[in-house]
Amino acid sequence: MFLQRVGRREITQEAANALMFSLYFSGYLSMLLAFKVETPDFEVPDYLHTHPVLEASNRWAQRASDGHLLAQLAQPIIRDTQDLLDALN
């Protein structure tokens, strides 16, 4: 998915790190949603909005000098993450 989003664009290491953490967090949420669907009494952790991986992604994003490009590349991931968080709550 990373290559699908970035393609041949050149981005800073900070932006790449932010995207990778975002993708990891989105995958984690997808796994939680699958557990919740499979086992209705599965309890979703209540710390998701302050999860360490999400915090790390935000820190890297703030350091990226190409934040405008990062925002553009991350938009679908952010949308998917929000949809997953909504489904989990």
N, C-alpha and C. Protein backbone atom coordinates (compact mmCIF):
# COMPACT_ATOMS: atom_id res chain seq x y z
N MET A 1 0.81 -1.19 0.00
CA MET A 1 0.00 0.00 0.00
C MET A 1 0.86 1.26 0.00
N PHE A 2 1.99 1.17 0.67
CA PHE A 2 2.89 2.32 0.72
C PHE A 2 3.31 2.72 -0.70
N LEU A 3 3.76 1.75 -1.47
CA LEU A 3 4.17 2.04 -2.84
C LEU A 3 3.01 2.53 -3.69
N GLN A 4 1.85 2.00 -3.43
CA GLN A 4 0.66 2.44 -4.16
C GLN A 4 0.39 3.92 -3.90
N ARG A 5 0.58 4.36 -2.67
CA ARG A 5 0.33 5.77 -2.32
C ARG A 5 1.46 6.67 -2.81
N VAL A 6 2.69 6.27 -2.61
CA VAL A 6 3.84 7.14 -2.89
C VAL A 6 4.27 7.08 -4.35
N GLY A 7 4.27 5.89 -4.92
CA GLY A 7 4.70 5.75 -6.31
C GLY A 7 6.16 6.16 -6.46
N ARG A 8 6.43 6.99 -7.45
CA ARG A 8 7.81 7.42 -7.72
C ARG A 8 8.11 8.80 -7.13
N ARG A 9 7.21 9.32 -6.33
CA ARG A 9 7.45 10.62 -5.71
C ARG A 9 8.59 10.52 -4.71
N GLU A 10 9.32 11.59 -4.58
CA GLU A 10 10.36 11.66 -3.55
C GLU A 10 9.76 12.34 -2.33
N ILE A 11 9.84 11.64 -1.20
CA ILE A 11 9.36 12.21 0.05
C ILE A 11 10.46 12.10 1.09
N THR A 12 10.37 12.92 2.10
CA THR A 12 11.38 12.88 3.16
C THR A 12 11.23 11.62 3.99
N GLN A 13 12.27 11.29 4.71
CA GLN A 13 12.23 10.13 5.60
C GLN A 13 11.15 10.31 6.66
N GLU A 14 10.97 11.54 7.12
CA GLU A 14 9.94 11.82 8.14
C GLU A 14 8.55 11.54 7.59
N ALA A 15 8.30 11.95 6.36
CA ALA A 15 6.99 11.69 5.74
C ALA A 15 6.79 10.20 5.53
N ALA A 16 7.85 9.51 5.10
CA ALA A 16 7.76 8.06 4.91
C ALA A 16 7.45 7.36 6.23
N ASN A 17 8.12 7.78 7.29
CA ASN A 17 7.86 7.18 8.61
C ASN A 17 6.42 7.43 9.04
N ALA A 18 5.93 8.65 8.84
CA ALA A 18 4.55 8.97 9.22
C ALA A 18 3.57 8.09 8.46
N LEU A 19 3.79 7.92 7.17
CA LEU A 19 2.91 7.07 6.37
C LEU A 19 2.96 5.62 6.83
N MET A 20 4.15 5.12 7.11
CA MET A 20 4.28 3.73 7.54
C MET A 20 3.58 3.50 8.88
N PHE A 21 3.74 4.41 9.82
CA PHE A 21 3.04 4.29 11.09
C PHE A 21 1.53 4.36 10.88
N SER A 22 1.08 5.23 9.99
CA SER A 22 -0.35 5.35 9.70
C SER A 22 -0.90 4.06 9.11
N LEU A 23 -0.17 3.48 8.19
CA LEU A 23 -0.60 2.22 7.58
C LEU A 23 -0.64 1.10 8.61
N TYR A 24 0.36 1.06 9.47
CA TYR A 24 0.39 0.05 10.53
C TYR A 24 -0.83 0.20 11.43
N PHE A 25 -1.14 1.43 11.83
CA PHE A 25 -2.27 1.67 12.72
C PHE A 25 -3.58 1.29 12.03
N SER A 26 -3.72 1.61 10.76
CA SER A 26 -4.91 1.24 10.02
C SER A 26 -5.07 -0.28 9.96
N GLY A 27 -3.96 -0.99 9.76
CA GLY A 27 -4.00 -2.45 9.77
C GLY A 27 -4.39 -3.00 11.13
N TYR A 28 -3.88 -2.38 12.17
CA TYR A 28 -4.23 -2.78 13.54
C TYR A 28 -5.73 -2.60 13.78
N LEU A 29 -6.28 -1.47 13.33
CA LEU A 29 -7.72 -1.24 13.50
C LEU A 29 -8.53 -2.24 12.69
N SER A 30 -8.07 -2.57 11.50
CA SER A 30 -8.76 -3.57 10.68
C SER A 30 -8.80 -4.92 11.39
N MET A 31 -7.70 -5.28 12.03
CA MET A 31 -7.65 -6.53 12.77
C MET A 31 -8.64 -6.50 13.94
N LEU A 32 -8.67 -5.38 14.67
CA LEU A 32 -9.62 -5.25 15.78
C LEU A 32 -11.06 -5.36 15.30
N LEU A 33 -11.35 -4.74 14.17
CA LEU A 33 -12.71 -4.80 13.63
C LEU A 33 -13.07 -6.24 13.24
N ALA A 34 -12.12 -6.96 12.66
CA ALA A 34 -12.37 -8.36 12.31
C ALA A 34 -12.65 -9.18 13.57
N PHE A 35 -11.90 -8.93 14.63
CA PHE A 35 -12.16 -9.62 15.90
C PHE A 35 -13.54 -9.28 16.43
N LYS A 36 -13.92 -8.02 16.34
CA LYS A 36 -15.22 -7.57 16.85
C LYS A 36 -16.36 -8.20 16.06
N VAL A 37 -16.20 -8.30 14.76
CA VAL A 37 -17.23 -8.92 13.92
C VAL A 37 -17.34 -10.41 14.23
N GLU A 38 -16.20 -11.05 14.39
CA GLU A 38 -16.16 -12.49 14.65
C GLU A 38 -16.66 -12.83 16.05
N THR A 39 -16.32 -12.00 17.01
CA THR A 39 -16.68 -12.23 18.40
C THR A 39 -17.36 -10.98 18.95
N PRO A 40 -18.70 -10.93 18.90
CA PRO A 40 -19.43 -9.72 19.29
C PRO A 40 -19.10 -9.20 20.69
N ASP A 41 -18.71 -10.06 21.62
CA ASP A 41 -18.40 -9.57 22.97
C ASP A 41 -16.94 -9.15 23.11
N PHE A 42 -16.20 -9.11 22.00
CA PHE A 42 -14.82 -8.64 22.01
C PHE A 42 -14.79 -7.18 22.45
N GLU A 43 -13.94 -6.89 23.42
CA GLU A 43 -13.84 -5.52 23.93
C GLU A 43 -12.73 -4.78 23.23
N VAL A 44 -13.11 -3.69 22.60
CA VAL A 44 -12.15 -2.84 21.89
C VAL A 44 -11.43 -1.97 22.91
N PRO A 45 -10.11 -1.89 22.85
CA PRO A 45 -9.38 -1.03 23.79
C PRO A 45 -9.87 0.42 23.70
N ASP A 46 -9.95 1.08 24.83
CA ASP A 46 -10.47 2.45 24.83
C ASP A 46 -9.39 3.50 24.65
N TYR A 47 -8.18 3.08 24.35
CA TYR A 47 -7.08 4.03 24.18
C TYR A 47 -6.75 4.29 22.71
N LEU A 48 -7.62 3.94 21.80
CA LEU A 48 -7.29 4.00 20.38
C LEU A 48 -6.95 5.40 19.88
N HIS A 49 -7.64 6.41 20.39
CA HIS A 49 -7.39 7.77 19.90
C HIS A 49 -6.05 8.32 20.40
N THR A 50 -5.45 7.67 21.38
CA THR A 50 -4.14 8.09 21.87
C THR A 50 -3.14 6.93 21.80
N HIS A 51 -3.35 6.04 20.86
CA HIS A 51 -2.48 4.87 20.70
C HIS A 51 -1.05 5.33 20.38
N PRO A 52 -0.05 4.67 20.96
CA PRO A 52 1.35 5.06 20.72
C PRO A 52 1.75 5.10 19.24
N VAL A 53 1.21 4.20 18.43
CA VAL A 53 1.55 4.19 17.01
C VAL A 53 0.98 5.43 16.32
N LEU A 54 -0.24 5.80 16.69
CA LEU A 54 -0.85 7.01 16.13
C LEU A 54 -0.07 8.24 16.57
N GLU A 55 0.34 8.26 17.82
CA GLU A 55 1.14 9.37 18.34
C GLU A 55 2.47 9.47 17.58
N ALA A 56 3.10 8.34 17.31
CA ALA A 56 4.36 8.34 16.57
C ALA A 56 4.16 8.87 15.16
N SER A 57 3.08 8.46 14.52
CA SER A 57 2.79 8.95 13.18
C SER A 57 2.64 10.47 13.19
N ASN A 58 1.92 10.97 14.16
CA ASN A 58 1.72 12.43 14.27
C ASN A 58 3.04 13.16 14.51
N ARG A 59 3.89 12.60 15.35
CA ARG A 59 5.19 13.24 15.61
C ARG A 59 6.04 13.30 14.33
N TRP A 60 6.08 12.20 13.58
CA TRP A 60 6.85 12.20 12.33
C TRP A 60 6.25 13.17 11.33
N ALA A 61 4.94 13.22 11.27
CA ALA A 61 4.28 14.14 10.33
C ALA A 61 4.63 15.59 10.64
N GLN A 62 4.70 15.92 11.91
CA GLN A 62 5.03 17.29 12.30
C GLN A 62 6.47 17.65 11.92
N ARG A 63 7.34 16.67 11.85
CA ARG A 63 8.74 16.92 11.50
C ARG A 63 8.99 16.97 9.99
N ALA A 64 8.03 16.51 9.22
CA ALA A 64 8.22 16.40 7.76
C ALA A 64 8.21 17.79 7.11
N SER A 65 9.25 18.08 6.37
CA SER A 65 9.31 19.37 5.67
C SER A 65 8.42 19.37 4.43
N ASP A 66 7.98 18.21 4.00
CA ASP A 66 7.07 18.10 2.86
C ASP A 66 5.65 17.74 3.33
N GLY A 67 5.22 18.44 4.36
CA GLY A 67 3.92 18.18 4.96
C GLY A 67 2.77 18.31 3.99
N HIS A 68 2.87 19.21 3.03
CA HIS A 68 1.81 19.38 2.04
C HIS A 68 1.63 18.11 1.22
N LEU A 69 2.72 17.49 0.82
CA LEU A 69 2.66 16.24 0.06
C LEU A 69 2.20 15.10 0.96
N LEU A 70 2.70 15.07 2.16
CA LEU A 70 2.30 14.05 3.12
C LEU A 70 0.80 14.10 3.36
N ALA A 71 0.25 15.29 3.53
CA ALA A 71 -1.20 15.43 3.76
C ALA A 71 -1.98 14.87 2.58
N GLN A 72 -1.50 15.13 1.40
CA GLN A 72 -2.16 14.64 0.19
C GLN A 72 -2.09 13.11 0.12
N LEU A 73 -0.93 12.56 0.38
CA LEU A 73 -0.74 11.11 0.32
C LEU A 73 -1.50 10.38 1.42
N ALA A 74 -1.58 11.01 2.58
CA ALA A 74 -2.19 10.35 3.74
C ALA A 74 -3.71 10.47 3.78
N GLN A 75 -4.28 11.34 2.97
CA GLN A 75 -5.73 11.59 3.06
C GLN A 75 -6.57 10.32 3.01
N PRO A 76 -6.35 9.41 2.05
CA PRO A 76 -7.16 8.18 2.04
C PRO A 76 -6.94 7.31 3.29
N ILE A 77 -5.72 7.30 3.80
CA ILE A 77 -5.42 6.52 5.00
C ILE A 77 -6.14 7.13 6.20
N ILE A 78 -6.12 8.44 6.29
CA ILE A 78 -6.82 9.13 7.38
C ILE A 78 -8.31 8.85 7.32
N ARG A 79 -8.87 8.90 6.11
CA ARG A 79 -10.30 8.62 5.94
C ARG A 79 -10.63 7.19 6.36
N ASP A 80 -9.82 6.24 5.90
CA ASP A 80 -10.03 4.83 6.27
C ASP A 80 -9.91 4.63 7.77
N THR A 81 -8.92 5.27 8.37
CA THR A 81 -8.71 5.15 9.82
C THR A 81 -9.91 5.69 10.57
N GLN A 82 -10.44 6.83 10.14
CA GLN A 82 -11.61 7.40 10.81
C GLN A 82 -12.82 6.48 10.66
N ASP A 83 -13.00 5.91 9.47
CA ASP A 83 -14.11 4.96 9.26
C ASP A 83 -13.96 3.75 10.16
N LEU A 84 -12.74 3.24 10.30
CA LEU A 84 -12.51 2.09 11.18
C LEU A 84 -12.77 2.45 12.64
N LEU A 85 -12.31 3.62 13.06
CA LEU A 85 -12.56 4.05 14.45
C LEU A 85 -14.06 4.19 14.70
N ASP A 86 -14.78 4.75 13.74
CA ASP A 86 -16.24 4.88 13.88
C ASP A 86 -16.90 3.50 13.99
N ALA A 87 -16.44 2.56 13.19
CA ALA A 87 -17.01 1.20 13.22
C ALA A 87 -16.70 0.49 14.53
N LEU A 88 -15.58 0.82 15.14
CA LEU A 88 -15.19 0.17 16.39
C LEU A 88 -15.90 0.77 17.60
N ASN A 89 -16.38 1.98 17.49
CA ASN A 89 -17.05 2.64 18.64
C ASN A 89 -18.53 2.40 18.65
